[in-house]
Amino acid sequence: MDDIERMRFEYDGIAYKMLSDSEVEVSRNLKIKFPDVAIPNCVEYEGKTFLVTRIGKMAFHGCREIITISIPDSVKEIDEAAFCCCEMLMTVNIPAGIGEIEYETFYGCEHLESLFIPDSVRAVRDRALWYCRGLKSISIPKHLLGIEYPNIYPKRGCDVGQCRSLDSLEHCFVRLSSGEVEDYDFD
């Protein structure tokens, strides 16, 4: 497995890292200069097909030219800071099956306008939406276990999370670092 984990390759301009003999993750992409990124369900390398199941830590960190990212349903995990500082990112789909929005996933995505969080998501981790200044609406499942502090505070003008444009959030509760829960209802 150690040899497999070190195997990295590029497919259609996106970098990948092997996780097993049948699965890969999107790995660190420093050279992406195109606005629309479509991650495929499967990729081929040396005559073998691999299922794309994960977007790795900091996979698109700092890719400032990206405007849209399409993620296939085969992806079941998006690691921390995956889209951090993708300043121009406006549109991203989070596929069903994702369990958590990890630490700093969308940190600094200043042009992200709306976010639909699927029912499979149980938690939004610390700073996942920090500095999403253009964020206007978030759709959150009712059973979400919590949005960790610090993140978003719509009733307080989003000054803490710097989500200054947020004006639509159906229901939210925030789990503070102390473990306490503050409930917000925006209906």
C-alpha atoms as a PDB file:
ATOM      1  CA  MET A   1       0.000   0.000   0.000  1.00  0.00           C
ATOM      2  CA  ASP A   2       2.878   2.407   0.674  1.00  0.00           C
ATOM      3  CA  ASP A   3       3.885   2.294  -2.995  1.00  0.00           C
ATOM      4  CA  ILE A   4       0.285   2.930  -4.044  1.00  0.00           C
ATOM      5  CA  GLU A   5      -0.105   5.917  -1.701  1.00  0.00           C
ATOM      6  CA  ARG A   6       2.943   7.572  -3.276  1.00  0.00           C
ATOM      7  CA  MET A   7       1.618   7.198  -6.821  1.00  0.00           C
ATOM      8  CA  ARG A   8       0.520  10.531  -8.195  1.00  0.00           C
ATOM      9  CA  PHE A   9      -0.601  11.360 -11.697  1.00  0.00           C
ATOM     10  CA  GLU A  10      -2.483  13.958 -13.710  1.00  0.00           C
ATOM     11  CA  TYR A  11      -5.662  13.357 -15.700  1.00  0.00           C
ATOM     12  CA  ASP A  12      -7.333  16.091 -17.796  1.00  0.00           C
ATOM     13  CA  GLY A  13      -5.332  18.780 -15.999  1.00  0.00           C
ATOM     14  CA  ILE A  14      -6.219  17.653 -12.445  1.00  0.00           C
ATOM     15  CA  ALA A  15      -3.728  15.991 -10.074  1.00  0.00           C
ATOM     16  CA  TYR A  16      -4.632  12.711  -8.341  1.00  0.00           C
ATOM     17  CA  LYS A  17      -3.103  10.467  -5.701  1.00  0.00           C
ATOM     18  CA  MET A  18      -3.828   6.740  -5.451  1.00  0.00           C
ATOM     19  CA  LEU A  19      -5.542   5.613  -2.255  1.00  0.00           C
ATOM     20  CA  SER A  20      -5.785   1.931  -3.184  1.00  0.00           C
ATOM     21  CA  ASP A  21      -5.619  -0.231  -6.280  1.00  0.00           C
ATOM     22  CA  SER A  22      -9.111   0.998  -7.246  1.00  0.00           C
ATOM     23  CA  GLU A  23      -9.567   4.479  -5.682  1.00  0.00           C
ATOM     24  CA  VAL A  24      -7.950   7.906  -5.959  1.00  0.00           C
ATOM     25  CA  GLU A  25      -8.257  11.321  -4.381  1.00  0.00           C
ATOM     26  CA  VAL A  26      -7.913  14.717  -6.001  1.00  0.00           C
ATOM     27  CA  SER A  27      -4.570  15.934  -4.641  1.00  0.00           C
ATOM     28  CA  ARG A  28      -2.805  19.313  -4.494  1.00  0.00           C
ATOM     29  CA  ASN A  29      -3.476  21.294  -7.683  1.00  0.00           C
ATOM     30  CA  LEU A  30      -1.221  24.302  -7.957  1.00  0.00           C
ATOM     31  CA  LYS A  31      -1.402  24.765 -11.710  1.00  0.00           C
ATOM     32  CA  ILE A  32      -5.145  25.022 -12.357  1.00  0.00           C
ATOM     33  CA  LYS A  33      -5.721  28.114 -14.467  1.00  0.00           C
ATOM     34  CA  PHE A  34      -9.155  27.330 -15.926  1.00  0.00           C
ATOM     35  CA  PRO A  35     -12.446  28.671 -14.494  1.00  0.00           C
ATOM     36  CA  ASP A  36     -14.630  25.543 -14.649  1.00  0.00           C
ATOM     37  CA  VAL A  37     -13.477  22.355 -12.961  1.00  0.00           C
ATOM     38  CA  ALA A  38     -15.427  19.132 -13.464  1.00  0.00           C
ATOM     39  CA  ILE A  39     -14.087  16.262 -11.385  1.00  0.00           C
ATOM     40  CA  PRO A  40     -14.981  12.967 -13.077  1.00  0.00           C
ATOM     41  CA  ASN A  41     -16.390   9.857 -11.324  1.00  0.00           C
ATOM     42  CA  CYS A  42     -13.498   7.791 -12.657  1.00  0.00           C
ATOM     43  CA  VAL A  43     -10.062   8.432 -14.094  1.00  0.00           C
ATOM     44  CA  GLU A  44      -7.676   6.241 -16.072  1.00  0.00           C
ATOM     45  CA  TYR A  45      -4.002   5.747 -15.415  1.00  0.00           C
ATOM     46  CA  GLU A  46      -1.717   3.223 -17.094  1.00  0.00           C
ATOM     47  CA  GLY A  47      -4.700   1.342 -18.539  1.00  0.00           C
ATOM     48  CA  LYS A  48      -6.523   1.009 -15.212  1.00  0.00           C
ATOM     49  CA  THR A  49      -9.704   2.803 -14.115  1.00  0.00           C
ATOM     50  CA  PHE A  50      -9.887   4.384 -10.646  1.00  0.00           C
ATOM     51  CA  LEU A  51     -12.941   5.665  -8.779  1.00  0.00           C
ATOM     52  CA  VAL A  52     -12.568   9.234  -7.468  1.00  0.00           C
ATOM     53  CA  THR A  53     -13.721   9.006  -3.815  1.00  0.00           C
ATOM     54  CA  ARG A  54     -12.082  11.924  -2.057  1.00  0.00           C
ATOM     55  CA  ILE A  55     -10.909  15.499  -2.455  1.00  0.00           C
ATOM     56  CA  GLY A  56      -7.683  15.737  -0.483  1.00  0.00           C
ATOM     57  CA  LYS A  57      -6.429  18.283   2.004  1.00  0.00           C
ATOM     58  CA  MET A  58      -5.837  21.657   0.337  1.00  0.00           C
ATOM     59  CA  ALA A  59      -6.539  20.104  -3.076  1.00  0.00           C
ATOM     60  CA  PHE A  60      -7.508  23.396  -4.713  1.00  0.00           C
ATOM     61  CA  HIS A  61      -6.056  25.767  -2.112  1.00  0.00           C
ATOM     62  CA  GLY A  62      -5.300  29.139  -3.658  1.00  0.00           C
ATOM     63  CA  CYS A  63      -6.634  28.293  -7.138  1.00  0.00           C
ATOM     64  CA  ARG A  64      -7.932  31.816  -7.616  1.00  0.00           C
ATOM     65  CA  GLU A  65      -9.145  31.405 -11.207  1.00  0.00           C
ATOM     66  CA  ILE A  66     -11.746  28.705 -10.425  1.00  0.00           C
ATOM     67  CA  ILE A  67     -15.342  29.911 -10.705  1.00  0.00           C
ATOM     68  CA  THR A  68     -17.274  26.618 -10.672  1.00  0.00           C
ATOM     69  CA  ILE A  69     -16.484  23.145  -9.361  1.00  0.00           C
ATOM     70  CA  SER A  70     -18.585  20.111 -10.165  1.00  0.00           C
ATOM     71  CA  ILE A  71     -18.074  17.192  -7.767  1.00  0.00           C
ATOM     72  CA  PRO A  72     -19.387  13.718  -8.673  1.00  0.00           C
ATOM     73  CA  ASP A  73     -21.474  11.543  -6.353  1.00  0.00           C
ATOM     74  CA  SER A  74     -18.570   9.083  -6.137  1.00  0.00           C
ATOM     75  CA  VAL A  75     -16.801  11.572  -3.811  1.00  0.00           C
ATOM     76  CA  LYS A  76     -17.652  10.705  -0.187  1.00  0.00           C
ATOM     77  CA  GLU A  77     -15.100  12.896   1.594  1.00  0.00           C
ATOM     78  CA  ILE A  78     -13.856  16.445   1.136  1.00  0.00           C
ATOM     79  CA  ASP A  79     -10.804  17.027   3.321  1.00  0.00           C
ATOM     80  CA  GLU A  80      -9.957  20.210   5.195  1.00  0.00           C
ATOM     81  CA  ALA A  81      -9.150  23.422   3.342  1.00  0.00           C
ATOM     82  CA  ALA A  82      -9.970  21.720   0.025  1.00  0.00           C
ATOM     83  CA  PHE A  83     -11.189  24.964  -1.575  1.00  0.00           C
ATOM     84  CA  CYS A  84      -9.538  27.436   0.796  1.00  0.00           C
ATOM     85  CA  CYS A  85      -8.727  30.782  -0.851  1.00  0.00           C
ATOM     86  CA  CYS A  86     -10.473  29.981  -4.133  1.00  0.00           C
ATOM     87  CA  GLU A  87     -11.446  33.639  -4.154  1.00  0.00           C
ATOM     88  CA  MET A  88     -13.434  33.605  -7.399  1.00  0.00           C
ATOM     89  CA  LEU A  89     -15.366  30.385  -6.654  1.00  0.00           C
ATOM     90  CA  MET A  90     -19.079  31.122  -7.076  1.00  0.00           C
ATOM     91  CA  THR A  91     -20.639  27.687  -7.555  1.00  0.00           C
ATOM     92  CA  VAL A  92     -19.927  24.296  -6.023  1.00  0.00           C
ATOM     93  CA  ASN A  93     -22.119  21.276  -5.509  1.00  0.00           C
ATOM     94  CA  ILE A  94     -21.661  19.153  -2.415  1.00  0.00           C
ATOM     95  CA  PRO A  95     -22.705  15.613  -3.322  1.00  0.00           C
ATOM     96  CA  ALA A  96     -24.989  13.460  -1.176  1.00  0.00           C
ATOM     97  CA  GLY A  97     -22.852  11.161   0.917  1.00  0.00           C
ATOM     98  CA  ILE A  98     -20.483  13.804   2.275  1.00  0.00           C
ATOM     99  CA  GLY A  99     -20.528  13.484   6.091  1.00  0.00           C
ATOM    100  CA  GLU A 100     -18.870  16.741   7.157  1.00  0.00           C
ATOM    101  CA  ILE A 101     -17.882  20.120   5.823  1.00  0.00           C
ATOM    102  CA  GLU A 102     -14.326  20.064   7.146  1.00  0.00           C
ATOM    103  CA  TYR A 103     -12.138  22.727   8.752  1.00  0.00           C
ATOM    104  CA  GLU A 104     -11.598  25.733   6.431  1.00  0.00           C
ATOM    105  CA  THR A 105     -13.181  23.948   3.435  1.00  0.00           C
ATOM    106  CA  PHE A 106     -14.442  27.190   1.873  1.00  0.00           C
ATOM    107  CA  TYR A 107     -12.339  29.666   3.856  1.00  0.00           C
ATOM    108  CA  GLY A 108     -11.768  32.815   1.792  1.00  0.00           C
ATOM    109  CA  CYS A 109     -14.164  31.884  -1.035  1.00  0.00           C
ATOM    110  CA  GLU A 110     -15.240  35.509  -1.227  1.00  0.00           C
ATOM    111  CA  HIS A 111     -17.535  35.146  -4.265  1.00  0.00           C
ATOM    112  CA  LEU A 112     -19.411  32.019  -3.147  1.00  0.00           C
ATOM    113  CA  GLU A 113     -23.048  33.168  -3.170  1.00  0.00           C
ATOM    114  CA  SER A 114     -25.092  30.186  -2.018  1.00  0.00           C
ATOM    115  CA  LEU A 115     -24.491  26.774  -0.575  1.00  0.00           C
ATOM    116  CA  PHE A 116     -26.782  23.756  -0.461  1.00  0.00           C
ATOM    117  CA  ILE A 117     -25.667  21.351   2.241  1.00  0.00           C
ATOM    118  CA  PRO A 118     -27.098  17.853   1.618  1.00  0.00           C
ATOM    119  CA  ASP A 119     -28.883  15.758   4.247  1.00  0.00           C
ATOM    120  CA  SER A 120     -25.863  13.469   4.627  1.00  0.00           C
ATOM    121  CA  VAL A 121     -23.817  16.247   6.278  1.00  0.00           C
ATOM    122  CA  ARG A 122     -23.729  15.910  10.074  1.00  0.00           C
ATOM    123  CA  ALA A 123     -21.437  18.829  10.962  1.00  0.00           C
ATOM    124  CA  VAL A 124     -19.866  22.006   9.618  1.00  0.00           C
ATOM    125  CA  ARG A 125     -16.408  22.315  11.142  1.00  0.00           C
ATOM    126  CA  ASP A 126     -14.498  25.320  12.457  1.00  0.00           C
ATOM    127  CA  ARG A 127     -13.978  28.151   9.932  1.00  0.00           C
ATOM    128  CA  ALA A 128     -15.501  26.131   7.070  1.00  0.00           C
ATOM    129  CA  LEU A 129     -17.289  29.257   5.793  1.00  0.00           C
ATOM    130  CA  TRP A 130     -14.986  31.927   7.193  1.00  0.00           C
ATOM    131  CA  TYR A 131     -14.554  34.985   4.950  1.00  0.00           C
ATOM    132  CA  CYS A 132     -17.243  33.907   2.485  1.00  0.00           C
ATOM    133  CA  ARG A 133     -18.172  37.566   2.115  1.00  0.00           C
ATOM    134  CA  GLY A 134     -20.493  37.086  -0.857  1.00  0.00           C
ATOM    135  CA  LEU A 135     -22.502  34.274   0.752  1.00  0.00           C
ATOM    136  CA  LYS A 136     -26.190  35.170   0.567  1.00  0.00           C
ATOM    137  CA  SER A 137     -27.941  31.910   1.382  1.00  0.00           C
ATOM    138  CA  ILE A 138     -27.264  28.529   2.931  1.00  0.00           C
ATOM    139  CA  SER A 139     -29.582  25.548   2.913  1.00  0.00           C
ATOM    140  CA  ILE A 140     -28.866  23.402   5.970  1.00  0.00           C
ATOM    141  CA  PRO A 141     -30.444  20.053   6.879  1.00  0.00           C
ATOM    142  CA  LYS A 142     -32.535  20.110  10.080  1.00  0.00           C
ATOM    143  CA  HIS A 143     -30.672  17.139  11.584  1.00  0.00           C
ATOM    144  CA  LEU A 144     -27.254  18.811  11.333  1.00  0.00           C
ATOM    145  CA  LEU A 145     -25.366  18.123  14.577  1.00  0.00           C
ATOM    146  CA  GLY A 146     -23.831  21.576  14.638  1.00  0.00           C
ATOM    147  CA  ILE A 147     -21.933  24.394  13.069  1.00  0.00           C
ATOM    148  CA  GLU A 148     -18.739  24.765  15.048  1.00  0.00           C
ATOM    149  CA  TYR A 149     -17.658  28.104  16.427  1.00  0.00           C
ATOM    150  CA  PRO A 150     -16.389  30.287  14.887  1.00  0.00           C
ATOM    151  CA  ASN A 151     -18.258  30.162  11.612  1.00  0.00           C
ATOM    152  CA  ILE A 152     -21.358  32.165  10.758  1.00  0.00           C
ATOM    153  CA  TYR A 153     -23.645  34.449  12.732  1.00  0.00           C
ATOM    154  CA  PRO A 154     -26.401  35.757  10.429  1.00  0.00           C
ATOM    155  CA  LYS A 155     -28.388  37.523  13.178  1.00  0.00           C
ATOM    156  CA  ARG A 156     -25.274  39.391  14.228  1.00  0.00           C
ATOM    157  CA  GLY A 157     -24.545  40.743  10.775  1.00  0.00           C
ATOM    158  CA  CYS A 158     -22.028  37.966  10.106  1.00  0.00           C
ATOM    159  CA  ASP A 159     -19.268  40.053  11.609  1.00  0.00           C
ATOM    160  CA  VAL A 160     -17.655  37.046  13.304  1.00  0.00           C
ATOM    161  CA  GLY A 161     -17.472  34.901  10.183  1.00  0.00           C
ATOM    162  CA  GLN A 162     -17.269  37.797   7.748  1.00  0.00           C
ATOM    163  CA  CYS A 163     -20.295  36.500   5.788  1.00  0.00           C
ATOM    164  CA  ARG A 164     -21.500  40.049   5.279  1.00  0.00           C
ATOM    165  CA  SER A 165     -24.072  39.326   2.558  1.00  0.00           C
ATOM    166  CA  LEU A 166     -25.849  36.398   4.238  1.00  0.00           C
ATOM    167  CA  ASP A 167     -29.585  37.029   4.351  1.00  0.00           C
ATOM    168  CA  SER A 168     -31.109  33.550   4.118  1.00  0.00           C
ATOM    169  CA  LEU A 169     -30.605  30.703   6.561  1.00  0.00           C
ATOM    170  CA  GLU A 170     -33.524  28.476   7.466  1.00  0.00           C
ATOM    171  CA  HIS A 171     -32.360  27.022  10.768  1.00  0.00           C
ATOM    172  CA  CYS A 172     -29.030  26.817  12.460  1.00  0.00           C
ATOM    173  CA  PHE A 173     -27.465  26.079  15.771  1.00  0.00           C
ATOM    174  CA  VAL A 174     -23.879  26.717  16.615  1.00  0.00           C
ATOM    175  CA  ARG A 175     -21.797  24.456  18.825  1.00  0.00           C
ATOM    176  CA  LEU A 176     -19.390  26.704  20.688  1.00  0.00           C
ATOM    177  CA  SER A 177     -15.846  25.624  21.564  1.00  0.00           C
ATOM    178  CA  SER A 178     -17.059  25.119  25.147  1.00  0.00           C
ATOM    179  CA  GLY A 179     -19.502  22.489  23.886  1.00  0.00           C
ATOM    180  CA  GLU A 180     -22.550  24.692  24.542  1.00  0.00           C
ATOM    181  CA  VAL A 181     -25.147  25.073  21.813  1.00  0.00           C
ATOM    182  CA  GLU A 182     -26.720  28.364  20.724  1.00  0.00           C
ATOM    183  CA  ASP A 183     -29.907  27.913  18.725  1.00  0.00           C
ATOM    184  CA  TYR A 184     -30.909  30.243  15.898  1.00  0.00           C
ATOM    185  CA  ASP A 185     -34.180  30.127  14.002  1.00  0.00           C
ATOM    186  CA  PHE A 186     -34.463  32.374  10.944  1.00  0.00           C
ATOM    187  CA  ASP A 187     -37.911  31.466   9.581  1.00  0.00           C
END
